[in-house]
Amino acid sequence: QVQLVESGGGLVQPGGSLRLSCTASGTISRIIAMGWYRQAPGKERELVAIFSGQSTNYADSVKGRFTISRDNTQNTVSLQMSTLKPEDTGVYCCYLDVVQWNNGRYQYWGQGTQVTVSS
């Protein structure tokens, strides 16, 4: 089994910064992709930023403001969010695509952490 533990999030004023982290643990053989999605009220879930192999992808709306980083030794990804806007408000969920010890490939979602950008 694999567990995802998220931290960070909260309430911040427009223009402020927040940092999210997600750590994966368990029967992990190889991480294929790991990153963050978000869902705003009344909207569909969307990709924010993700590592996939050697590639990094960002939503156009966060390019230049958000930075995703990873620590492979800890199976952790972090999302540094700067110059936050009210439209960044939503539930941010960690996503993991992984090959486990049984050589099976699985996808996992974190429980989500609320980010609210408001004055």
N, C-alpha and C. Protein backbone atom coordinates (compact mmCIF):
# COMPACT_ATOMS: atom_id res chain seq x y z
N GLN A 1 0.85 -1.19 0.00
CA GLN A 1 0.00 0.00 0.00
C GLN A 1 0.88 1.24 0.00
N VAL A 2 0.32 2.32 -0.49
CA VAL A 2 1.04 3.59 -0.57
C VAL A 2 0.23 4.65 0.15
N GLN A 3 0.92 5.50 0.87
CA GLN A 3 0.26 6.61 1.56
C GLN A 3 0.84 7.93 1.07
N LEU A 4 -0.02 8.91 0.98
CA LEU A 4 0.38 10.28 0.63
C LEU A 4 0.03 11.19 1.81
N VAL A 5 1.02 11.94 2.25
CA VAL A 5 0.80 12.89 3.34
C VAL A 5 1.09 14.28 2.82
N GLU A 6 0.07 15.13 2.87
CA GLU A 6 0.18 16.50 2.38
C GLU A 6 0.32 17.45 3.56
N SER A 7 0.99 18.55 3.31
CA SER A 7 1.08 19.60 4.31
C SER A 7 1.13 20.95 3.60
N GLY A 8 0.82 21.98 4.36
CA GLY A 8 0.78 23.32 3.81
C GLY A 8 -0.64 23.76 3.55
N GLY A 9 -0.79 24.80 2.78
CA GLY A 9 -2.10 25.34 2.52
C GLY A 9 -2.51 26.33 3.59
N GLY A 10 -3.70 26.89 3.40
CA GLY A 10 -4.20 27.86 4.36
C GLY A 10 -4.75 29.09 3.68
N LEU A 11 -4.86 30.15 4.49
CA LEU A 11 -5.41 31.41 4.00
C LEU A 11 -4.28 32.42 3.80
N VAL A 12 -4.28 33.08 2.66
CA VAL A 12 -3.24 34.06 2.37
C VAL A 12 -3.86 35.21 1.58
N GLN A 13 -3.29 36.38 1.74
CA GLN A 13 -3.77 37.54 1.00
C GLN A 13 -3.25 37.51 -0.43
N PRO A 14 -3.95 38.15 -1.34
CA PRO A 14 -3.45 38.24 -2.72
C PRO A 14 -2.04 38.81 -2.75
N GLY A 15 -1.21 38.19 -3.58
CA GLY A 15 0.19 38.59 -3.65
C GLY A 15 1.09 37.84 -2.71
N GLY A 16 0.49 37.07 -1.82
CA GLY A 16 1.27 36.32 -0.85
C GLY A 16 1.79 35.00 -1.38
N SER A 17 2.41 34.23 -0.49
CA SER A 17 3.03 32.97 -0.87
C SER A 17 2.61 31.87 0.09
N LEU A 18 2.61 30.66 -0.45
CA LEU A 18 2.39 29.46 0.35
C LEU A 18 3.23 28.33 -0.23
N ARG A 19 3.48 27.35 0.62
CA ARG A 19 4.24 26.19 0.18
C ARG A 19 3.48 24.93 0.56
N LEU A 20 3.30 24.05 -0.41
CA LEU A 20 2.68 22.74 -0.19
C LEU A 20 3.73 21.66 -0.33
N SER A 21 3.58 20.61 0.47
CA SER A 21 4.46 19.45 0.35
C SER A 21 3.64 18.18 0.37
N CYS A 22 4.16 17.18 -0.30
CA CYS A 22 3.51 15.87 -0.34
C CYS A 22 4.60 14.80 -0.29
N THR A 23 4.44 13.88 0.67
CA THR A 23 5.40 12.79 0.81
C THR A 23 4.69 11.46 0.62
N ALA A 24 5.28 10.64 -0.22
CA ALA A 24 4.74 9.31 -0.47
C ALA A 24 5.56 8.27 0.28
N SER A 25 4.87 7.28 0.82
CA SER A 25 5.56 6.20 1.52
C SER A 25 4.82 4.89 1.24
N GLY A 26 5.53 3.80 1.50
CA GLY A 26 4.92 2.48 1.29
C GLY A 26 5.70 1.66 0.30
N THR A 27 5.00 0.78 -0.38
CA THR A 27 5.63 -0.21 -1.26
C THR A 27 5.92 0.36 -2.64
N ILE A 28 6.77 1.37 -2.66
CA ILE A 28 7.09 2.09 -3.89
C ILE A 28 8.36 1.53 -4.52
N SER A 29 8.25 1.11 -5.76
CA SER A 29 9.41 0.67 -6.50
C SER A 29 9.96 1.79 -7.36
N ARG A 30 9.06 2.47 -8.06
CA ARG A 30 9.49 3.55 -8.95
C ARG A 30 8.35 4.54 -9.14
N ILE A 31 8.67 5.82 -9.01
CA ILE A 31 7.68 6.87 -9.23
C ILE A 31 7.72 7.26 -10.70
N ILE A 32 6.57 7.19 -11.35
CA ILE A 32 6.45 7.58 -12.74
C ILE A 32 6.12 9.07 -12.85
N ALA A 33 5.21 9.53 -12.02
CA ALA A 33 4.82 10.94 -12.02
C ALA A 33 4.34 11.32 -10.62
N MET A 34 4.57 12.57 -10.27
CA MET A 34 4.11 13.07 -8.97
C MET A 34 3.94 14.56 -9.07
N GLY A 35 2.84 15.06 -8.56
CA GLY A 35 2.60 16.49 -8.66
C GLY A 35 1.33 16.91 -7.99
N TRP A 36 0.79 18.05 -8.45
CA TRP A 36 -0.36 18.67 -7.82
C TRP A 36 -1.45 19.01 -8.83
N TYR A 37 -2.68 18.74 -8.44
CA TYR A 37 -3.86 19.19 -9.14
C TYR A 37 -4.65 20.08 -8.17
N ARG A 38 -5.58 20.83 -8.70
CA ARG A 38 -6.46 21.63 -7.85
C ARG A 38 -7.87 21.64 -8.42
N GLN A 39 -8.80 21.90 -7.51
CA GLN A 39 -10.20 22.02 -7.91
C GLN A 39 -10.79 23.22 -7.21
N ALA A 40 -11.22 24.18 -8.03
CA ALA A 40 -11.87 25.37 -7.50
C ALA A 40 -13.36 25.10 -7.37
N PRO A 41 -14.04 25.85 -6.52
CA PRO A 41 -15.49 25.65 -6.37
C PRO A 41 -16.22 25.78 -7.70
N GLY A 42 -17.02 24.78 -8.02
CA GLY A 42 -17.81 24.82 -9.24
C GLY A 42 -17.05 24.52 -10.51
N LYS A 43 -15.79 24.13 -10.37
CA LYS A 43 -14.97 23.86 -11.55
C LYS A 43 -14.42 22.44 -11.50
N GLU A 44 -13.94 21.98 -12.64
CA GLU A 44 -13.34 20.66 -12.70
C GLU A 44 -11.91 20.71 -12.19
N ARG A 45 -11.43 19.54 -11.78
CA ARG A 45 -10.05 19.45 -11.32
C ARG A 45 -9.10 19.71 -12.48
N GLU A 46 -8.03 20.45 -12.20
CA GLU A 46 -7.06 20.78 -13.24
C GLU A 46 -5.64 20.55 -12.76
N LEU A 47 -4.77 20.28 -13.70
CA LEU A 47 -3.36 20.12 -13.38
C LEU A 47 -2.77 21.47 -12.98
N VAL A 48 -1.96 21.46 -11.93
CA VAL A 48 -1.21 22.66 -11.53
C VAL A 48 0.25 22.51 -11.95
N ALA A 49 0.90 21.47 -11.46
CA ALA A 49 2.30 21.23 -11.80
C ALA A 49 2.61 19.77 -11.50
N ILE A 50 3.48 19.18 -12.32
CA ILE A 50 3.77 17.77 -12.15
C ILE A 50 5.13 17.42 -12.73
N PHE A 51 5.81 16.49 -12.04
CA PHE A 51 6.99 15.84 -12.58
C PHE A 51 6.52 14.55 -13.25
N SER A 52 7.00 14.30 -14.48
CA SER A 52 6.70 13.07 -15.18
C SER A 52 7.98 12.64 -15.87
N GLY A 53 8.64 11.60 -15.31
CA GLY A 53 9.95 11.25 -15.82
C GLY A 53 10.91 12.39 -15.58
N GLN A 54 11.55 12.84 -16.63
CA GLN A 54 12.47 13.97 -16.54
C GLN A 54 11.81 15.29 -16.91
N SER A 55 10.52 15.26 -17.16
CA SER A 55 9.80 16.46 -17.59
C SER A 55 9.06 17.09 -16.43
N THR A 56 8.88 18.39 -16.54
CA THR A 56 8.08 19.16 -15.59
C THR A 56 7.04 19.95 -16.38
N ASN A 57 5.80 19.87 -15.97
CA ASN A 57 4.74 20.58 -16.66
C ASN A 57 3.98 21.46 -15.68
N TYR A 58 3.63 22.63 -16.14
CA TYR A 58 2.86 23.59 -15.36
C TYR A 58 1.62 24.02 -16.13
N ALA A 59 0.57 24.32 -15.40
CA ALA A 59 -0.58 24.99 -16.02
C ALA A 59 -0.14 26.37 -16.46
N ASP A 60 -0.64 26.82 -17.59
CA ASP A 60 -0.27 28.14 -18.10
C ASP A 60 -0.56 29.23 -17.06
N SER A 61 -1.61 29.04 -16.30
CA SER A 61 -2.04 30.07 -15.36
C SER A 61 -1.10 30.25 -14.17
N VAL A 62 -0.19 29.28 -13.96
CA VAL A 62 0.71 29.39 -12.81
C VAL A 62 2.17 29.54 -13.21
N LYS A 63 2.45 29.47 -14.50
CA LYS A 63 3.84 29.59 -14.96
C LYS A 63 4.42 30.94 -14.52
N GLY A 64 5.63 30.86 -13.99
CA GLY A 64 6.29 32.07 -13.52
C GLY A 64 5.95 32.44 -12.09
N ARG A 65 4.94 31.81 -11.54
CA ARG A 65 4.52 32.10 -10.15
C ARG A 65 4.71 30.89 -9.23
N PHE A 66 4.51 29.71 -9.75
CA PHE A 66 4.63 28.49 -8.96
C PHE A 66 5.87 27.72 -9.40
N THR A 67 6.50 27.07 -8.43
CA THR A 67 7.65 26.23 -8.72
C THR A 67 7.49 24.89 -8.01
N ILE A 68 7.59 23.81 -8.77
CA ILE A 68 7.53 22.49 -8.17
C ILE A 68 8.95 21.96 -8.04
N SER A 69 9.21 21.31 -6.93
CA SER A 69 10.52 20.72 -6.69
C SER A 69 10.33 19.32 -6.10
N ARG A 70 11.38 18.53 -6.13
CA ARG A 70 11.25 17.18 -5.60
C ARG A 70 12.52 16.74 -4.88
N ASP A 71 12.31 15.86 -3.93
CA ASP A 71 13.39 15.21 -3.22
C ASP A 71 13.20 13.72 -3.43
N ASN A 72 13.98 13.16 -4.33
CA ASN A 72 13.79 11.75 -4.68
C ASN A 72 14.12 10.82 -3.51
N THR A 73 15.02 11.25 -2.64
CA THR A 73 15.40 10.40 -1.51
C THR A 73 14.26 10.26 -0.50
N GLN A 74 13.37 11.25 -0.48
CA GLN A 74 12.25 11.26 0.46
C GLN A 74 10.91 11.03 -0.21
N ASN A 75 10.92 10.83 -1.54
CA ASN A 75 9.67 10.69 -2.30
C ASN A 75 8.73 11.85 -2.01
N THR A 76 9.30 13.04 -2.05
CA THR A 76 8.55 14.24 -1.70
C THR A 76 8.56 15.22 -2.86
N VAL A 77 7.40 15.83 -3.10
CA VAL A 77 7.33 16.96 -4.00
C VAL A 77 6.78 18.16 -3.23
N SER A 78 7.29 19.32 -3.57
CA SER A 78 6.84 20.55 -2.94
C SER A 78 6.41 21.53 -4.02
N LEU A 79 5.48 22.37 -3.67
CA LEU A 79 4.98 23.38 -4.59
C LEU A 79 5.09 24.73 -3.90
N GLN A 80 6.00 25.54 -4.37
CA GLN A 80 6.14 26.90 -3.87
C GLN A 80 5.26 27.81 -4.70
N MET A 81 4.28 28.42 -4.06
CA MET A 81 3.33 29.28 -4.76
C MET A 81 3.56 30.72 -4.35
N SER A 82 3.81 31.56 -5.32
CA SER A 82 4.07 32.97 -5.07
C SER A 82 3.10 33.83 -5.88
N THR A 83 3.04 35.08 -5.49
CA THR A 83 2.15 36.03 -6.18
C THR A 83 0.77 35.42 -6.35
N LEU A 84 0.25 34.90 -5.27
CA LEU A 84 -1.03 34.21 -5.34
C LEU A 84 -2.17 35.16 -5.67
N LYS A 85 -3.13 34.63 -6.41
CA LYS A 85 -4.29 35.38 -6.85
C LYS A 85 -5.56 34.73 -6.30
N PRO A 86 -6.63 35.47 -6.19
CA PRO A 86 -7.89 34.86 -5.71
C PRO A 86 -8.31 33.66 -6.56
N GLU A 87 -8.00 33.68 -7.84
CA GLU A 87 -8.37 32.55 -8.70
C GLU A 87 -7.52 31.30 -8.46
N ASP A 88 -6.52 31.40 -7.62
CA ASP A 88 -5.75 30.22 -7.21
C ASP A 88 -6.45 29.46 -6.07
N THR A 89 -7.50 30.02 -5.56
CA THR A 89 -8.24 29.38 -4.47
C THR A 89 -8.80 28.03 -4.92
N GLY A 90 -8.65 27.04 -4.05
CA GLY A 90 -9.19 25.73 -4.34
C GLY A 90 -8.61 24.68 -3.42
N VAL A 91 -9.03 23.44 -3.65
CA VAL A 91 -8.46 22.30 -2.93
C VAL A 91 -7.34 21.72 -3.79
N TYR A 92 -6.17 21.69 -3.22
CA TYR A 92 -4.99 21.19 -3.92
C TYR A 92 -4.73 19.75 -3.49
N CYS A 93 -4.64 18.86 -4.46
CA CYS A 93 -4.45 17.44 -4.18
C CYS A 93 -3.15 16.95 -4.80
N CYS A 94 -2.45 16.17 -4.01
CA CYS A 94 -1.23 15.52 -4.49
C CYS A 94 -1.62 14.31 -5.33
N TYR A 95 -0.88 14.10 -6.41
CA TYR A 95 -1.13 12.97 -7.31
C TYR A 95 0.15 12.15 -7.47
N LEU A 96 -0.02 10.85 -7.46
CA LEU A 96 1.13 9.95 -7.59
C LEU A 96 0.81 8.84 -8.56
N ASP A 97 1.70 8.63 -9.51
CA ASP A 97 1.63 7.51 -10.45
C ASP A 97 2.87 6.66 -10.18
N VAL A 98 2.68 5.41 -9.76
CA VAL A 98 3.79 4.67 -9.19
C VAL A 98 3.76 3.20 -9.60
N VAL A 99 4.94 2.63 -9.70
CA VAL A 99 5.08 1.18 -9.83
C VAL A 99 5.42 0.66 -8.44
N GLN A 100 4.63 -0.28 -7.97
CA GLN A 100 4.84 -0.82 -6.63
C GLN A 100 5.67 -2.11 -6.68
N TRP A 101 5.96 -2.63 -5.51
CA TRP A 101 6.84 -3.80 -5.41
C TRP A 101 6.32 -5.00 -6.20
N ASN A 102 5.01 -5.09 -6.38
CA ASN A 102 4.43 -6.21 -7.15
C ASN A 102 4.49 -5.96 -8.64
N ASN A 103 5.21 -4.90 -9.06
CA ASN A 103 5.36 -4.49 -10.46
C ASN A 103 4.07 -3.98 -11.08
N GLY A 104 3.06 -3.81 -10.26
CA GLY A 104 1.85 -3.20 -10.76
C GLY A 104 1.94 -1.69 -10.75
N ARG A 105 1.24 -1.04 -11.67
CA ARG A 105 1.24 0.42 -11.76
C ARG A 105 -0.08 0.94 -11.21
N TYR A 106 0.03 1.92 -10.31
CA TYR A 106 -1.17 2.44 -9.63
C TYR A 106 -1.10 3.96 -9.56
N GLN A 107 -2.26 4.56 -9.41
CA GLN A 107 -2.37 6.01 -9.22
C GLN A 107 -3.05 6.28 -7.88
N TYR A 108 -2.54 7.28 -7.18
CA TYR A 108 -3.07 7.65 -5.88
C TYR A 108 -3.31 9.15 -5.81
N TRP A 109 -4.28 9.52 -4.99
CA TRP A 109 -4.58 10.92 -4.73
C TRP A 109 -4.49 11.20 -3.23
N GLY A 110 -3.94 12.35 -2.90
CA GLY A 110 -3.98 12.78 -1.51
C GLY A 110 -5.38 13.25 -1.15
N GLN A 111 -5.58 13.50 0.13
CA GLN A 111 -6.91 13.91 0.57
C GLN A 111 -7.21 15.36 0.25
N GLY A 112 -6.18 16.13 -0.05
CA GLY A 112 -6.38 17.52 -0.45
C GLY A 112 -6.15 18.49 0.67
N THR A 113 -5.67 19.66 0.31
CA THR A 113 -5.47 20.73 1.27
C THR A 113 -6.03 22.02 0.69
N GLN A 114 -6.71 22.78 1.53
CA GLN A 114 -7.39 23.98 1.06
C GLN A 114 -6.42 25.15 0.97
N VAL A 115 -6.47 25.83 -0.16
CA VAL A 115 -5.74 27.08 -0.34
C VAL A 115 -6.78 28.16 -0.63
N THR A 116 -6.77 29.20 0.18
CA THR A 116 -7.71 30.30 0.00
C THR A 116 -6.92 31.59 -0.11
N VAL A 117 -7.14 32.29 -1.22
CA VAL A 117 -6.47 33.56 -1.45
C VAL A 117 -7.53 34.65 -1.39
N SER A 118 -7.47 35.43 -0.33
CA SER A 118 -8.51 36.43 -0.12
C SER A 118 -8.00 37.53 0.79
N SER A 119 -8.49 38.73 0.56
CA SER A 119 -8.14 39.84 1.44
C SER A 119 -9.17 40.00 2.54
